[in-house]
Amino acid sequence: MKKRFAWMALAVLMMLSITAQAAGGTGGGNGGGNGGGSGDGTGGGKAEALTVESASVEDGAVLAPEDAITLVFTKNVVNSSVKENNLPLFTVTDDSGAAVEITVTMADDQIEPDKKNDVVIAPADTWAEGAYTLTAQAGITSKSGDVMEQDYTLTFSVAGAADDAAVPEDTMDTADTATEPSAEDTVEAAEPETAEDGAATEAETTDAAEETAPQEQESNTPMIIGIVAVVVVVAGAAYVLGKKK
């Protein structure tokens, strides 16, 4: 009897466990299904309009000749399904209204999904000095099929290249004065010595010679005295020897 009761109790526990697991699975499934987002995979909600959300420069900015501009849209406008339609809808005109040659760059949203809303506009070469207007035209389409209803415009200007730093005029004059000899200095340097200067030089040379002569005589005097002394000694010795004989 006890064994039968034990088996019955075990069977009830197993049934309760299976029921609890089934209830938990259903709750998880419902939670997962109801918890999904409302996005449509285009970078924006289904109800959100397609517009330019921001730009990398402010309206009226002054750019360098090589600067590019990035427009960020509210939805994916670079997908291959809409890219060809959107590329020609970006234009830049100068202050006279003439179209300017540009390059429009869109990333591959499969490789760089974080750039699916970005469009980069750059000059084909460089921006010339002047004022410009960038237009993203109505008709640009998102991956989800939304169409931009109004033009977006952004104005900017490009400053001219800085002139080469000019050397101040007074500095140039000073440099010329310091490096270029004057005509007077050149003539003076080229002129030979005057007769007066030549005479003075010659007199100085004569004085030097006269000063040197006595010195040479003075230096020879001891030698002469020595020779005379030797002759006197020799003569005296000869005289003494002759007398002895």
Protein backbone atom coordinates (compact mmCIF):
# COMPACT_ATOMS: atom_id res chain seq x y z
CA MET A 1 0.00 0.00 0.00
CA LYS A 2 2.83 2.31 0.89
CA LYS A 3 4.61 1.62 -2.40
CA ARG A 4 1.45 2.32 -4.39
CA PHE A 5 1.03 5.66 -2.56
CA ALA A 6 4.65 6.58 -3.28
CA TRP A 7 4.26 5.89 -6.98
CA MET A 8 1.08 7.94 -7.14
CA ALA A 9 2.77 10.86 -5.36
CA LEU A 10 5.73 10.69 -7.80
CA ALA A 11 3.38 10.68 -10.80
CA VAL A 12 1.56 13.78 -9.49
CA LEU A 13 4.87 15.62 -8.99
CA MET A 14 5.98 14.81 -12.55
CA MET A 15 2.67 16.06 -13.98
CA LEU A 16 2.96 19.31 -11.99
CA SER A 17 6.55 19.81 -13.22
CA ILE A 18 5.58 19.27 -16.88
CA THR A 19 2.65 21.71 -16.51
CA ALA A 20 4.90 24.37 -14.97
CA GLN A 21 7.48 24.04 -17.78
CA ALA A 22 4.80 24.33 -20.46
CA ALA A 23 3.38 27.46 -18.82
CA GLY A 24 6.88 29.03 -18.60
CA GLY A 25 7.61 28.34 -22.27
CA THR A 26 4.37 29.98 -23.33
CA GLY A 27 5.11 33.06 -21.24
CA GLY A 28 8.61 33.34 -22.71
CA GLY A 29 7.29 33.06 -26.24
CA ASN A 30 4.72 35.76 -25.68
CA GLY A 31 7.26 38.00 -24.04
CA GLY A 32 9.65 37.62 -26.97
CA GLY A 33 7.01 38.28 -29.57
CA ASN A 34 5.60 41.33 -27.87
CA GLY A 35 9.00 42.80 -26.98
CA GLY A 36 10.15 43.53 -30.58
CA GLY A 37 11.01 47.12 -31.64
CA SER A 38 8.97 49.21 -34.01
CA GLY A 39 11.96 50.01 -36.31
CA ASP A 40 11.94 49.05 -39.96
CA GLY A 41 15.69 48.49 -40.40
CA THR A 42 16.20 51.86 -42.11
CA GLY A 43 17.63 53.75 -39.17
CA GLY A 44 14.31 55.42 -38.30
CA GLY A 45 10.83 54.50 -37.16
CA LYS A 46 8.08 53.78 -39.70
CA ALA A 47 6.21 56.89 -38.72
CA GLU A 48 9.25 59.19 -38.92
CA ALA A 49 9.55 61.38 -42.04
CA LEU A 50 12.64 61.23 -44.23
CA THR A 51 14.65 64.43 -43.71
CA VAL A 52 18.22 65.64 -43.24
CA GLU A 53 18.81 65.24 -39.53
CA SER A 54 22.17 67.05 -39.34
CA ALA A 55 25.18 68.28 -41.32
CA SER A 56 28.89 68.24 -40.51
CA VAL A 57 29.10 72.03 -40.96
CA GLU A 58 26.78 74.84 -39.98
CA ASP A 59 24.82 76.88 -42.50
CA GLY A 60 27.01 79.79 -43.65
CA ALA A 61 30.28 78.10 -42.62
CA VAL A 62 33.61 79.02 -44.21
CA LEU A 63 35.42 75.96 -45.57
CA ALA A 64 38.90 75.20 -46.79
CA PRO A 65 39.28 74.42 -50.53
CA GLU A 66 39.47 70.65 -49.91
CA ASP A 67 36.78 70.28 -47.20
CA ALA A 68 33.90 67.80 -47.60
CA ILE A 69 30.38 68.00 -46.13
CA THR A 70 28.50 65.04 -44.59
CA LEU A 71 24.70 65.03 -44.48
CA VAL A 72 23.04 62.64 -42.01
CA PHE A 73 19.48 61.53 -42.89
CA THR A 74 16.84 60.10 -40.57
CA LYS A 75 16.72 56.85 -42.56
CA ASN A 76 18.82 54.60 -44.78
CA VAL A 77 19.35 56.40 -48.12
CA VAL A 78 22.43 54.49 -49.33
CA ASN A 79 21.05 50.99 -49.77
CA SER A 80 21.62 49.52 -53.23
CA SER A 81 17.85 49.54 -53.84
CA VAL A 82 17.73 53.38 -53.72
CA LYS A 83 21.33 54.49 -54.25
CA GLU A 84 21.13 55.04 -58.01
CA ASN A 85 17.97 57.11 -57.61
CA ASN A 86 19.49 59.29 -54.88
CA LEU A 87 22.98 60.04 -56.27
CA PRO A 88 21.95 62.67 -58.85
CA LEU A 89 19.68 64.48 -56.35
CA PHE A 90 22.64 66.15 -54.62
CA THR A 91 23.86 69.35 -56.28
CA VAL A 92 26.12 72.32 -55.52
CA THR A 93 25.84 75.70 -57.27
CA ASP A 94 28.07 78.77 -57.04
CA ASP A 95 26.94 82.33 -56.35
CA SER A 96 26.02 82.79 -60.02
CA GLY A 97 23.78 79.71 -59.97
CA ALA A 98 26.11 77.59 -62.11
CA ALA A 99 26.45 73.92 -61.19
CA VAL A 100 29.75 72.88 -59.63
CA GLU A 101 31.27 69.46 -60.26
CA ILE A 102 31.14 67.32 -57.09
CA THR A 103 31.59 63.77 -55.88
CA VAL A 104 28.82 62.09 -53.85
CA THR A 105 29.96 59.18 -51.68
CA MET A 106 27.63 56.59 -50.08
CA ALA A 107 28.91 53.71 -47.97
CA ASP A 108 27.92 50.08 -48.48
CA ASP A 109 25.34 49.60 -45.71
CA GLN A 110 26.06 45.85 -45.62
CA ILE A 111 29.72 46.49 -44.77
CA GLU A 112 29.34 49.74 -42.82
CA PRO A 113 25.82 49.69 -41.35
CA ASP A 114 26.64 52.64 -39.07
CA LYS A 115 26.93 54.85 -42.18
CA LYS A 116 23.64 53.85 -43.79
CA ASN A 117 22.19 57.33 -43.24
CA ASP A 118 25.32 59.32 -44.29
CA VAL A 119 26.03 61.00 -47.62
CA VAL A 120 29.38 62.76 -48.19
CA ILE A 121 29.62 65.63 -50.70
CA ALA A 122 33.09 66.84 -51.77
CA PRO A 123 34.53 68.94 -54.60
CA ALA A 124 35.68 67.03 -57.68
CA ASP A 125 39.03 68.83 -57.26
CA THR A 126 38.93 71.73 -54.79
CA TRP A 127 36.42 74.48 -54.06
CA ALA A 128 37.35 77.78 -55.68
CA GLU A 129 37.05 80.94 -53.66
CA GLY A 130 33.44 82.10 -53.44
CA ALA A 131 29.96 81.32 -52.09
CA TYR A 132 28.07 78.04 -52.68
CA THR A 133 24.71 76.37 -52.04
CA LEU A 134 24.39 72.63 -51.44
CA THR A 135 20.96 71.14 -52.19
CA ALA A 136 19.57 67.73 -51.28
CA GLN A 137 16.51 67.64 -53.52
CA ALA A 138 13.00 66.45 -52.74
CA GLY A 139 12.56 62.94 -54.11
CA ILE A 140 15.42 61.32 -52.21
CA THR A 141 14.10 57.91 -51.13
CA SER A 142 14.88 55.67 -48.15
CA LYS A 143 15.26 51.90 -48.16
CA SER A 144 11.78 51.61 -46.63
CA GLY A 145 10.27 53.63 -49.52
CA ASP A 146 9.80 56.97 -47.74
CA VAL A 147 10.37 60.00 -49.96
CA MET A 148 11.79 63.36 -48.83
CA GLU A 149 9.11 65.94 -49.63
CA GLN A 150 11.10 69.20 -49.48
CA ASP A 151 14.52 70.39 -50.65
CA TYR A 152 17.22 70.75 -48.03
CA THR A 153 19.74 73.56 -48.65
CA LEU A 154 23.00 74.50 -46.96
CA THR A 155 25.04 77.59 -47.83
CA PHE A 156 28.80 77.88 -47.33
CA SER A 157 31.74 79.85 -48.63
CA VAL A 158 35.38 79.18 -49.36
CA ALA A 159 38.15 81.59 -48.47
CA GLY A 160 41.02 82.19 -50.88
CA ALA A 161 44.41 80.65 -50.28
CA ALA A 162 46.61 82.76 -48.06
CA ASP A 163 49.17 84.87 -49.93
CA ASP A 164 52.80 84.04 -49.43
CA ALA A 165 54.10 85.88 -46.41
CA ALA A 166 55.54 89.13 -47.72
CA VAL A 167 58.75 90.52 -46.26
CA PRO A 168 58.16 94.05 -44.95
CA GLU A 169 59.59 96.70 -47.24
CA ASP A 170 61.74 98.31 -44.55
CA THR A 171 63.23 94.89 -43.72
CA MET A 172 64.06 94.28 -47.38
CA ASP A 173 65.72 97.70 -47.59
CA THR A 174 67.76 96.95 -44.49
CA ALA A 175 68.83 93.60 -45.89
CA ASP A 176 69.86 95.19 -49.19
CA THR A 177 71.86 97.85 -47.34
CA ALA A 178 73.59 95.25 -45.21
CA THR A 179 74.52 92.85 -48.01
CA GLU A 180 75.20 95.05 -51.03
CA PRO A 181 78.34 97.27 -50.91
CA SER A 182 77.85 100.86 -51.95
CA ALA A 183 79.45 102.27 -55.10
CA GLU A 184 81.74 104.49 -52.98
CA ASP A 185 83.04 101.52 -50.99
CA THR A 186 83.71 99.63 -54.22
CA VAL A 187 85.65 102.54 -55.74
CA GLU A 188 87.68 103.09 -52.58
CA ALA A 189 88.55 99.42 -52.40
CA ALA A 190 89.62 99.39 -56.06
CA GLU A 191 91.76 102.60 -55.95
CA PRO A 192 95.57 102.08 -55.55
CA GLU A 193 97.52 103.77 -52.78
CA THR A 194 98.29 107.44 -53.33
CA ALA A 195 101.86 108.75 -53.83
CA GLU A 196 101.82 110.16 -50.31
CA ASP A 197 100.93 106.77 -48.87
CA GLY A 198 103.63 105.14 -51.01
CA ALA A 199 106.25 107.63 -49.81
CA ALA A 200 105.32 107.04 -46.21
CA THR A 201 105.68 103.32 -46.68
CA GLU A 202 109.08 103.74 -48.34
CA ALA A 203 110.30 105.97 -45.49
CA GLU A 204 109.20 103.41 -42.96
CA THR A 205 111.14 100.74 -44.87
CA THR A 206 114.34 102.91 -44.90
CA ASP A 207 114.10 103.59 -41.18
CA ALA A 208 113.75 99.90 -40.53
CA ALA A 209 116.87 99.20 -42.63
CA GLU A 210 118.86 101.87 -40.78
CA GLU A 211 117.80 100.46 -37.45
CA THR A 212 118.84 96.98 -38.55
CA ALA A 213 122.38 98.03 -39.75
CA PRO A 214 123.73 99.21 -36.36
CA GLN A 215 122.32 96.10 -34.79
CA GLU A 216 124.23 93.95 -37.28
CA GLN A 217 127.43 95.97 -36.60
CA GLU A 218 126.97 95.58 -32.86
CA SER A 219 126.52 91.85 -33.26
CA ASN A 220 129.84 91.59 -35.28
CA THR A 221 131.95 93.54 -32.74
CA PRO A 222 132.65 90.67 -30.29
CA MET A 223 133.80 88.47 -33.16
CA ILE A 224 136.33 91.09 -34.34
CA ILE A 225 137.67 91.56 -30.81
CA GLY A 226 138.12 87.79 -30.44
CA ILE A 227 140.06 87.56 -33.72
CA VAL A 228 142.37 90.46 -32.68
CA ALA A 229 142.98 88.82 -29.30
CA VAL A 230 143.96 85.54 -30.97
CA VAL A 231 146.34 87.31 -33.34
CA VAL A 232 147.97 89.18 -30.42
CA VAL A 233 148.42 85.98 -28.42
CA VAL A 234 149.91 84.13 -31.40
CA ALA A 235 152.27 87.02 -32.14
CA GLY A 236 153.39 87.19 -28.50
CA ALA A 237 154.05 83.48 -28.39
CA ALA A 238 156.13 83.64 -31.58
CA TYR A 239 158.15 86.53 -30.16
CA VAL A 240 158.92 84.63 -26.94
CA LEU A 241 159.97 81.48 -28.80
CA GLY A 242 162.23 83.47 -31.11
CA LYS A 243 163.96 85.09 -28.18
CA LYS A 244 164.72 81.74 -26.53
CA LYS A 245 166.39 80.45 -29.61
